[in-house]
Amino acid sequence: MLKADLQATLDRHFLDPKSYVAKDGREILHGKDWKVRVAELLERCGGRCEQGKDSEGKGDLFRCASPAADPHHLVRRSVLRDDRLAGLQALCRFHHDLLDPRKPRFGEKVSP
């Protein structure tokens, strides 16, 4: 059973041979293709953290003013990897760390 939609993958003209479009439409990007996607994300956000924007890209009144530092997958990559632009959010380091449950919060004890 193939995991890639071969025609959709060919149509995208990916730069990295490991990048592909899954049969359900998800994009799995590697190397240069991932770098291109991150550049598209930074262009979309104007270099600013997207925390505070709603799903329609509105909500700038409460939007974080810090520079975007990290691409964040709205659905964790370990659950269902999807590197399409619609499934990514550009976040500053502070907001990205807040979303990472592995990192301790202020006042929490760190387990050994």
N, C-alpha and C. Protein backbone atom coordinates (compact mmCIF):
# COMPACT_ATOMS: atom_id res chain seq x y z
N MET A 1 0.84 -1.18 0.00
CA MET A 1 0.00 0.00 0.00
C MET A 1 0.89 1.25 0.00
N LEU A 2 0.69 2.12 -0.96
CA LEU A 2 1.48 3.34 -1.04
C LEU A 2 0.88 4.42 -0.14
N LYS A 3 1.74 5.19 0.50
CA LYS A 3 1.27 6.25 1.37
C LYS A 3 1.13 7.58 0.63
N ALA A 4 1.63 7.66 -0.58
CA ALA A 4 1.63 8.92 -1.32
C ALA A 4 0.63 8.90 -2.47
N ASP A 5 0.06 10.06 -2.72
CA ASP A 5 -0.73 10.27 -3.93
C ASP A 5 0.29 10.69 -4.99
N LEU A 6 0.66 9.78 -5.85
CA LEU A 6 1.77 10.02 -6.78
C LEU A 6 1.51 11.20 -7.71
N GLN A 7 0.30 11.30 -8.27
CA GLN A 7 0.01 12.40 -9.20
C GLN A 7 0.04 13.75 -8.47
N ALA A 8 -0.57 13.82 -7.30
CA ALA A 8 -0.57 15.08 -6.54
C ALA A 8 0.86 15.46 -6.14
N THR A 9 1.67 14.47 -5.81
CA THR A 9 3.07 14.73 -5.45
C THR A 9 3.83 15.28 -6.65
N LEU A 10 3.64 14.67 -7.81
CA LEU A 10 4.31 15.16 -9.02
C LEU A 10 3.84 16.57 -9.38
N ASP A 11 2.55 16.85 -9.20
CA ASP A 11 1.98 18.16 -9.53
C ASP A 11 2.56 19.28 -8.67
N ARG A 12 3.01 18.96 -7.45
CA ARG A 12 3.54 19.99 -6.54
C ARG A 12 4.98 20.38 -6.88
N HIS A 13 5.67 19.56 -7.65
CA HIS A 13 7.07 19.84 -8.03
C HIS A 13 7.95 20.07 -6.80
N PHE A 14 7.88 19.17 -5.84
CA PHE A 14 8.70 19.29 -4.64
C PHE A 14 10.18 19.25 -4.99
N LEU A 15 10.98 19.91 -4.17
CA LEU A 15 12.43 19.97 -4.37
C LEU A 15 13.14 18.78 -3.71
N ASP A 16 12.60 18.28 -2.61
CA ASP A 16 13.21 17.17 -1.88
C ASP A 16 12.50 15.87 -2.26
N PRO A 17 13.24 14.85 -2.63
CA PRO A 17 12.61 13.60 -3.05
C PRO A 17 11.83 12.89 -1.93
N LYS A 18 12.06 13.27 -0.67
CA LYS A 18 11.32 12.65 0.44
C LYS A 18 9.97 13.33 0.69
N SER A 19 9.73 14.51 0.13
CA SER A 19 8.46 15.21 0.32
C SER A 19 7.38 14.57 -0.54
N TYR A 20 6.16 14.54 -0.01
CA TYR A 20 5.06 13.95 -0.77
C TYR A 20 3.70 14.45 -0.28
N VAL A 21 2.67 14.19 -1.08
CA VAL A 21 1.29 14.45 -0.70
C VAL A 21 0.68 13.11 -0.34
N ALA A 22 0.12 13.02 0.85
CA ALA A 22 -0.52 11.78 1.29
C ALA A 22 -1.85 11.61 0.55
N LYS A 23 -2.36 10.41 0.56
CA LYS A 23 -3.61 10.13 -0.15
C LYS A 23 -4.79 10.94 0.40
N ASP A 24 -4.71 11.38 1.66
CA ASP A 24 -5.79 12.19 2.23
C ASP A 24 -5.56 13.69 2.04
N GLY A 25 -4.52 14.07 1.28
CA GLY A 25 -4.27 15.47 0.96
C GLY A 25 -3.24 16.17 1.83
N ARG A 26 -2.83 15.53 2.91
CA ARG A 26 -1.80 16.14 3.76
C ARG A 26 -0.48 16.24 3.01
N GLU A 27 0.28 17.27 3.32
CA GLU A 27 1.62 17.41 2.74
C GLU A 27 2.65 17.06 3.80
N ILE A 28 3.59 16.21 3.44
CA ILE A 28 4.69 15.82 4.31
C ILE A 28 5.95 16.38 3.66
N LEU A 29 6.51 17.41 4.28
CA LEU A 29 7.62 18.13 3.66
C LEU A 29 8.94 17.85 4.37
N HIS A 30 10.00 17.83 3.59
CA HIS A 30 11.35 17.61 4.09
C HIS A 30 12.29 18.62 3.46
N GLY A 31 13.42 18.84 4.11
CA GLY A 31 14.52 19.63 3.56
C GLY A 31 14.12 20.98 2.98
N LYS A 32 14.45 21.18 1.70
CA LYS A 32 14.20 22.46 1.04
C LYS A 32 12.71 22.79 0.98
N ASP A 33 11.86 21.77 0.85
CA ASP A 33 10.42 22.03 0.79
C ASP A 33 9.91 22.57 2.12
N TRP A 34 10.43 22.05 3.24
CA TRP A 34 10.05 22.56 4.55
C TRP A 34 10.53 24.01 4.71
N LYS A 35 11.75 24.30 4.24
CA LYS A 35 12.27 25.67 4.33
C LYS A 35 11.42 26.64 3.51
N VAL A 36 10.97 26.20 2.35
CA VAL A 36 10.08 27.03 1.53
C VAL A 36 8.78 27.29 2.27
N ARG A 37 8.23 26.26 2.92
CA ARG A 37 6.97 26.41 3.66
C ARG A 37 7.13 27.38 4.83
N VAL A 38 8.24 27.30 5.54
CA VAL A 38 8.50 28.22 6.66
C VAL A 38 8.60 29.66 6.13
N ALA A 39 9.22 29.85 4.98
CA ALA A 39 9.30 31.18 4.37
C ALA A 39 7.91 31.69 4.00
N GLU A 40 7.05 30.81 3.48
CA GLU A 40 5.67 31.19 3.17
C GLU A 40 4.92 31.59 4.44
N LEU A 41 5.16 30.87 5.52
CA LEU A 41 4.53 31.16 6.80
C LEU A 41 4.97 32.52 7.32
N LEU A 42 6.26 32.80 7.23
CA LEU A 42 6.77 34.10 7.69
C LEU A 42 6.24 35.25 6.84
N GLU A 43 6.06 35.00 5.56
CA GLU A 43 5.48 36.02 4.69
C GLU A 43 4.02 36.28 5.09
N ARG A 44 3.27 35.18 5.35
CA ARG A 44 1.86 35.33 5.74
C ARG A 44 1.70 36.13 7.02
N CYS A 45 2.57 35.89 8.00
CA CYS A 45 2.42 36.54 9.30
C CYS A 45 3.11 37.89 9.37
N GLY A 46 3.83 38.26 8.33
CA GLY A 46 4.54 39.53 8.36
C GLY A 46 5.67 39.56 9.36
N GLY A 47 6.16 38.37 9.75
CA GLY A 47 7.27 38.29 10.69
C GLY A 47 6.86 38.40 12.14
N ARG A 48 5.55 38.50 12.41
CA ARG A 48 5.05 38.63 13.79
C ARG A 48 4.37 37.36 14.26
N CYS A 49 4.45 37.14 15.56
CA CYS A 49 3.76 36.01 16.19
C CYS A 49 2.27 36.09 15.87
N GLU A 50 1.68 34.95 15.53
CA GLU A 50 0.26 34.91 15.18
C GLU A 50 -0.63 34.59 16.37
N GLN A 51 -0.09 34.53 17.57
CA GLN A 51 -0.92 34.29 18.76
C GLN A 51 -1.91 35.45 18.90
N GLY A 52 -3.16 35.10 19.06
CA GLY A 52 -4.20 36.13 19.20
C GLY A 52 -5.04 36.29 17.95
N LYS A 53 -4.61 35.70 16.83
CA LYS A 53 -5.42 35.74 15.61
C LYS A 53 -6.41 34.58 15.65
N ASP A 54 -7.58 34.80 15.09
CA ASP A 54 -8.54 33.71 15.01
C ASP A 54 -8.30 32.89 13.74
N SER A 55 -9.11 31.89 13.52
CA SER A 55 -8.90 30.99 12.39
C SER A 55 -9.06 31.67 11.03
N GLU A 56 -9.70 32.84 11.00
CA GLU A 56 -9.87 33.57 9.76
C GLU A 56 -8.77 34.62 9.56
N GLY A 57 -7.78 34.63 10.46
CA GLY A 57 -6.68 35.58 10.33
C GLY A 57 -7.02 36.95 10.86
N LYS A 58 -8.11 37.05 11.62
CA LYS A 58 -8.51 38.33 12.19
C LYS A 58 -8.09 38.37 13.65
N GLY A 59 -8.23 39.51 14.27
CA GLY A 59 -7.95 39.61 15.69
C GLY A 59 -6.64 40.31 16.00
N ASP A 60 -6.17 41.18 15.11
CA ASP A 60 -4.90 41.86 15.34
C ASP A 60 -4.88 42.74 16.58
N LEU A 61 -6.04 43.14 17.09
CA LEU A 61 -6.09 43.99 18.26
C LEU A 61 -5.40 43.32 19.45
N PHE A 62 -5.53 42.01 19.57
CA PHE A 62 -4.95 41.27 20.68
C PHE A 62 -3.77 40.40 20.25
N ARG A 63 -3.26 40.64 19.08
CA ARG A 63 -2.17 39.83 18.54
C ARG A 63 -0.85 40.17 19.22
N CYS A 64 -0.07 39.15 19.49
CA CYS A 64 1.25 39.32 20.08
C CYS A 64 2.12 40.16 19.14
N ALA A 65 2.92 41.05 19.70
CA ALA A 65 3.76 41.94 18.89
C ALA A 65 5.18 41.42 18.72
N SER A 66 5.49 40.26 19.30
CA SER A 66 6.84 39.72 19.23
C SER A 66 7.13 39.12 17.86
N PRO A 67 8.41 39.05 17.50
CA PRO A 67 8.78 38.43 16.22
C PRO A 67 8.47 36.93 16.22
N ALA A 68 8.02 36.44 15.10
CA ALA A 68 7.78 35.01 14.94
C ALA A 68 9.12 34.28 14.94
N ALA A 69 9.20 33.19 15.69
CA ALA A 69 10.45 32.44 15.78
C ALA A 69 10.30 30.99 15.38
N ASP A 70 9.11 30.42 15.58
CA ASP A 70 8.92 28.99 15.37
C ASP A 70 7.65 28.70 14.59
N PRO A 71 7.70 27.75 13.65
CA PRO A 71 6.46 27.25 13.06
C PRO A 71 5.83 26.26 14.03
N HIS A 72 4.53 26.37 14.24
CA HIS A 72 3.82 25.50 15.17
C HIS A 72 2.72 24.77 14.40
N HIS A 73 2.69 23.44 14.54
CA HIS A 73 1.64 22.64 13.91
C HIS A 73 0.39 22.70 14.80
N LEU A 74 -0.76 23.08 14.23
CA LEU A 74 -2.00 23.15 15.00
C LEU A 74 -2.42 21.78 15.50
N VAL A 75 -2.17 20.75 14.70
CA VAL A 75 -2.34 19.36 15.13
C VAL A 75 -0.93 18.81 15.25
N ARG A 76 -0.60 18.28 16.42
CA ARG A 76 0.78 17.83 16.66
C ARG A 76 1.28 16.91 15.56
N ARG A 77 2.52 17.13 15.17
CA ARG A 77 3.12 16.32 14.11
C ARG A 77 3.11 14.84 14.46
N SER A 78 3.27 14.52 15.74
CA SER A 78 3.30 13.12 16.14
C SER A 78 1.93 12.46 16.03
N VAL A 79 0.87 13.25 16.02
CA VAL A 79 -0.49 12.72 15.91
C VAL A 79 -0.87 12.50 14.44
N LEU A 80 -0.73 13.55 13.66
CA LEU A 80 -1.10 13.46 12.25
C LEU A 80 -0.32 14.54 11.50
N ARG A 81 0.85 14.18 11.04
CA ARG A 81 1.71 15.18 10.40
C ARG A 81 1.06 15.76 9.16
N ASP A 82 0.98 17.09 9.14
CA ASP A 82 0.44 17.82 8.01
C ASP A 82 1.16 19.15 7.93
N ASP A 83 1.95 19.33 6.88
CA ASP A 83 2.76 20.54 6.75
C ASP A 83 2.13 21.58 5.82
N ARG A 84 0.82 21.44 5.54
CA ARG A 84 0.16 22.47 4.73
C ARG A 84 0.12 23.77 5.51
N LEU A 85 0.17 24.87 4.79
CA LEU A 85 0.21 26.20 5.40
C LEU A 85 -0.98 26.44 6.32
N ALA A 86 -2.15 25.95 5.96
CA ALA A 86 -3.35 26.15 6.77
C ALA A 86 -3.25 25.48 8.14
N GLY A 87 -2.38 24.49 8.28
CA GLY A 87 -2.22 23.79 9.55
C GLY A 87 -1.06 24.28 10.38
N LEU A 88 -0.48 25.42 9.98
CA LEU A 88 0.68 25.97 10.68
C LEU A 88 0.37 27.35 11.23
N GLN A 89 1.07 27.69 12.30
CA GLN A 89 0.96 29.01 12.91
C GLN A 89 2.37 29.46 13.27
N ALA A 90 2.69 30.70 12.99
CA ALA A 90 3.99 31.25 13.35
C ALA A 90 3.89 31.82 14.77
N LEU A 91 4.76 31.36 15.65
CA LEU A 91 4.70 31.80 17.04
C LEU A 91 6.05 32.32 17.51
N CYS A 92 6.01 33.25 18.46
CA CYS A 92 7.24 33.67 19.13
C CYS A 92 7.66 32.53 20.06
N ARG A 93 8.87 32.57 20.53
CA ARG A 93 9.38 31.49 21.39
C ARG A 93 8.54 31.35 22.65
N PHE A 94 8.13 32.48 23.25
CA PHE A 94 7.33 32.44 24.49
C PHE A 94 6.02 31.68 24.27
N HIS A 95 5.26 32.04 23.24
CA HIS A 95 3.97 31.38 23.02
C HIS A 95 4.14 29.93 22.57
N HIS A 96 5.20 29.64 21.84
CA HIS A 96 5.44 28.25 21.45
C HIS A 96 5.76 27.40 22.67
N ASP A 97 6.57 27.94 23.58
CA ASP A 97 6.89 27.21 24.81
C ASP A 97 5.65 26.98 25.66
N LEU A 98 4.73 27.93 25.68
CA LEU A 98 3.50 27.76 26.46
C LEU A 98 2.66 26.58 25.96
N LEU A 99 2.73 26.30 24.67
CA LEU A 99 1.95 25.22 24.09
C LEU A 99 2.62 23.86 24.22
N ASP A 100 3.87 23.82 24.66
CA ASP A 100 4.60 22.56 24.77
C ASP A 100 4.41 21.98 26.17
N PRO A 101 3.63 20.91 26.31
CA PRO A 101 3.36 20.35 27.63
C PRO A 101 4.58 19.72 28.31
N ARG A 102 5.65 19.51 27.53
CA ARG A 102 6.85 18.91 28.12
C ARG A 102 7.67 19.91 28.91
N LYS A 103 7.39 21.21 28.73
CA LYS A 103 8.19 22.23 29.40
C LYS A 103 7.50 22.67 30.68
N PRO A 104 8.25 22.77 31.79
CA PRO A 104 7.64 23.17 33.06
C PRO A 104 7.20 24.64 33.03
N ARG A 105 6.12 24.92 33.73
CA ARG A 105 5.61 26.28 33.86
C ARG A 105 6.11 26.87 35.17
N PHE A 106 6.03 28.17 35.30
CA PHE A 106 6.44 28.85 36.51
C PHE A 106 5.71 28.25 37.71
N GLY A 107 6.44 27.83 38.72
CA GLY A 107 5.85 27.28 39.93
C GLY A 107 5.65 25.78 39.90
N GLU A 108 5.84 25.16 38.74
CA GLU A 108 5.68 23.71 38.65
C GLU A 108 6.99 23.02 39.01
N LYS A 109 6.87 21.85 39.63
CA LYS A 109 8.06 21.08 39.93
C LYS A 109 8.48 20.29 38.70
N VAL A 110 9.76 20.21 38.49
CA VAL A 110 10.30 19.45 37.37
C VAL A 110 10.54 18.03 37.85
N SER A 111 9.95 17.06 37.16
CA SER A 111 10.16 15.67 37.54
C SER A 111 11.49 15.17 36.99
N PRO A 112 12.17 14.30 37.72
CA PRO A 112 13.49 13.82 37.29
C PRO A 112 13.45 12.95 36.08
